[in-house]
Amino acid sequence: MSWFSSNKYSQKQKYITKKQIKDFCTWVGDANISQADSKATFEAVLKKRGTDGQMSLSQVYDVLTKLKNQSKISKSDRSDIIKRFEENWGK
């Protein structure tokens, strides 16, 4: 784990369930992100979660940024998804 992060999000590890990750990465009716992109986002975030079920908001943001840089999600999608994580799990 890197001690220095290039983003503003917490590096504090917290437990997160698979269901929470799925809920935050996928939702019905959003015009911006396709079902395939939602699934890819969910799988990428889930893969980054530790074997103990813990991860940080900083790690989530890094995964989302990687997906954005690979053109799998848009900048807007990244913002919307990290906001959902931050508001519902990051506190």
C-alpha atoms as a PDB file:
ATOM      1  CA  MET A   1       0.000   0.000   0.000  1.00  0.00           C
ATOM      2  CA  SER A   2       1.282   3.422  -0.873  1.00  0.00           C
ATOM      3  CA  TRP A   3       1.708   5.890   1.967  1.00  0.00           C
ATOM      4  CA  PHE A   4       1.074   8.809  -0.343  1.00  0.00           C
ATOM      5  CA  SER A   5      -2.011   9.239  -2.443  1.00  0.00           C
ATOM      6  CA  SER A   6      -2.618  11.641  -5.269  1.00  0.00           C
ATOM      7  CA  ASN A   7      -6.286  12.060  -4.339  1.00  0.00           C
ATOM      8  CA  LYS A   8      -8.176  13.720  -1.494  1.00  0.00           C
ATOM      9  CA  TYR A   9      -9.982  10.631  -0.280  1.00  0.00           C
ATOM     10  CA  SER A  10      -9.346   8.806   2.975  1.00  0.00           C
ATOM     11  CA  GLN A  11      -6.859   5.947   3.044  1.00  0.00           C
ATOM     12  CA  LYS A  12      -8.503   4.523   6.170  1.00  0.00           C
ATOM     13  CA  GLN A  13      -9.504   0.918   5.533  1.00  0.00           C
ATOM     14  CA  LYS A  14     -13.140   0.075   6.301  1.00  0.00           C
ATOM     15  CA  TYR A  15     -15.195  -3.074   5.877  1.00  0.00           C
ATOM     16  CA  ILE A  16     -17.525  -3.090   2.874  1.00  0.00           C
ATOM     17  CA  THR A  17     -19.827  -5.859   1.709  1.00  0.00           C
ATOM     18  CA  LYS A  18     -20.125  -7.158  -1.830  1.00  0.00           C
ATOM     19  CA  LYS A  19     -23.756  -5.992  -1.825  1.00  0.00           C
ATOM     20  CA  GLN A  20     -22.747  -2.440  -0.861  1.00  0.00           C
ATOM     21  CA  ILE A  21     -20.217  -2.317  -3.690  1.00  0.00           C
ATOM     22  CA  LYS A  22     -22.827  -3.568  -6.143  1.00  0.00           C
ATOM     23  CA  ASP A  23     -25.392  -1.037  -4.907  1.00  0.00           C
ATOM     24  CA  PHE A  24     -22.943   1.858  -5.256  1.00  0.00           C
ATOM     25  CA  CYS A  25     -21.659   0.814  -8.694  1.00  0.00           C
ATOM     26  CA  THR A  26     -24.949  -0.173 -10.306  1.00  0.00           C
ATOM     27  CA  TRP A  27     -28.336   1.455 -10.339  1.00  0.00           C
ATOM     28  CA  VAL A  28     -31.396   1.383 -12.539  1.00  0.00           C
ATOM     29  CA  GLY A  29     -32.380   4.308 -14.686  1.00  0.00           C
ATOM     30  CA  ASP A  30     -29.082   6.165 -14.889  1.00  0.00           C
ATOM     31  CA  ALA A  31     -28.679   7.388 -18.435  1.00  0.00           C
ATOM     32  CA  ASN A  32     -24.928   7.939 -18.136  1.00  0.00           C
ATOM     33  CA  ILE A  33     -23.578   4.456 -17.470  1.00  0.00           C
ATOM     34  CA  SER A  34     -24.514   1.287 -19.307  1.00  0.00           C
ATOM     35  CA  GLN A  35     -25.296  -2.009 -17.613  1.00  0.00           C
ATOM     36  CA  ALA A  36     -22.060  -3.483 -18.980  1.00  0.00           C
ATOM     37  CA  ASP A  37     -20.033  -0.550 -17.651  1.00  0.00           C
ATOM     38  CA  SER A  38     -21.766  -0.836 -14.267  1.00  0.00           C
ATOM     39  CA  LYS A  39     -20.849  -4.509 -14.107  1.00  0.00           C
ATOM     40  CA  ALA A  40     -17.230  -3.807 -15.107  1.00  0.00           C
ATOM     41  CA  THR A  41     -17.033  -1.083 -12.447  1.00  0.00           C
ATOM     42  CA  PHE A  42     -18.477  -3.382  -9.793  1.00  0.00           C
ATOM     43  CA  GLU A  43     -16.033  -6.166 -10.683  1.00  0.00           C
ATOM     44  CA  ALA A  44     -13.023  -3.814 -10.693  1.00  0.00           C
ATOM     45  CA  VAL A  45     -13.887  -2.342  -7.283  1.00  0.00           C
ATOM     46  CA  LEU A  46     -14.658  -5.781  -5.843  1.00  0.00           C
ATOM     47  CA  LYS A  47     -11.305  -7.082  -7.095  1.00  0.00           C
ATOM     48  CA  LYS A  48      -9.504  -4.228  -5.310  1.00  0.00           C
ATOM     49  CA  ARG A  49     -11.209  -5.031  -1.986  1.00  0.00           C
ATOM     50  CA  GLY A  50      -8.915  -6.920   0.361  1.00  0.00           C
ATOM     51  CA  THR A  51      -9.453 -10.542   1.338  1.00  0.00           C
ATOM     52  CA  ASP A  52     -10.581  -9.223   4.728  1.00  0.00           C
ATOM     53  CA  GLY A  53     -13.372  -7.255   3.004  1.00  0.00           C
ATOM     54  CA  GLN A  54     -11.760  -3.900   3.634  1.00  0.00           C
ATOM     55  CA  MET A  55     -10.824  -1.024   1.371  1.00  0.00           C
ATOM     56  CA  SER A  56     -10.552   2.751   1.464  1.00  0.00           C
ATOM     57  CA  LEU A  57     -12.255   5.552  -0.430  1.00  0.00           C
ATOM     58  CA  SER A  58      -8.850   6.365  -1.889  1.00  0.00           C
ATOM     59  CA  GLN A  59      -8.646   2.864  -3.372  1.00  0.00           C
ATOM     60  CA  VAL A  60     -12.163   3.174  -4.810  1.00  0.00           C
ATOM     61  CA  TYR A  61     -11.234   6.495  -6.415  1.00  0.00           C
ATOM     62  CA  ASP A  62      -8.032   5.018  -7.860  1.00  0.00           C
ATOM     63  CA  VAL A  63     -10.005   2.120  -9.423  1.00  0.00           C
ATOM     64  CA  LEU A  64     -12.553   4.531 -10.875  1.00  0.00           C
ATOM     65  CA  THR A  65      -9.792   6.764 -12.253  1.00  0.00           C
ATOM     66  CA  LYS A  66      -8.157   3.775 -13.933  1.00  0.00           C
ATOM     67  CA  LEU A  67     -11.489   2.850 -15.544  1.00  0.00           C
ATOM     68  CA  LYS A  68     -11.960   6.464 -16.683  1.00  0.00           C
ATOM     69  CA  ASN A  69      -8.470   6.544 -18.187  1.00  0.00           C
ATOM     70  CA  GLN A  70      -9.296   3.316 -20.059  1.00  0.00           C
ATOM     71  CA  SER A  71     -12.483   5.007 -21.369  1.00  0.00           C
ATOM     72  CA  LYS A  72     -14.676   2.423 -19.639  1.00  0.00           C
ATOM     73  CA  ILE A  73     -16.515   5.097 -17.653  1.00  0.00           C
ATOM     74  CA  SER A  74     -16.790   8.864 -18.069  1.00  0.00           C
ATOM     75  CA  LYS A  75     -15.492  11.550 -15.731  1.00  0.00           C
ATOM     76  CA  SER A  76     -19.120  12.206 -14.763  1.00  0.00           C
ATOM     77  CA  ASP A  77     -19.648   8.504 -13.982  1.00  0.00           C
ATOM     78  CA  ARG A  78     -16.551   8.514 -11.787  1.00  0.00           C
ATOM     79  CA  SER A  79     -17.843  11.554  -9.904  1.00  0.00           C
ATOM     80  CA  ASP A  80     -21.314  10.080  -9.450  1.00  0.00           C
ATOM     81  CA  ILE A  81     -20.024   6.719  -8.238  1.00  0.00           C
ATOM     82  CA  ILE A  82     -17.434   8.084  -5.802  1.00  0.00           C
ATOM     83  CA  LYS A  83     -20.109  10.417  -4.438  1.00  0.00           C
ATOM     84  CA  ARG A  84     -22.361   7.415  -3.746  1.00  0.00           C
ATOM     85  CA  PHE A  85     -19.522   5.633  -1.935  1.00  0.00           C
ATOM     86  CA  GLU A  86     -18.620   8.744   0.046  1.00  0.00           C
ATOM     87  CA  GLU A  87     -22.175   9.588   1.102  1.00  0.00           C
ATOM     88  CA  ASN A  88     -23.303   6.062   1.954  1.00  0.00           C
ATOM     89  CA  TRP A  89     -20.177   4.278   3.182  1.00  0.00           C
ATOM     90  CA  GLY A  90     -17.304   6.705   3.628  1.00  0.00           C
ATOM     91  CA  LYS A  91     -18.575   8.449   6.743  1.00  0.00           C
END
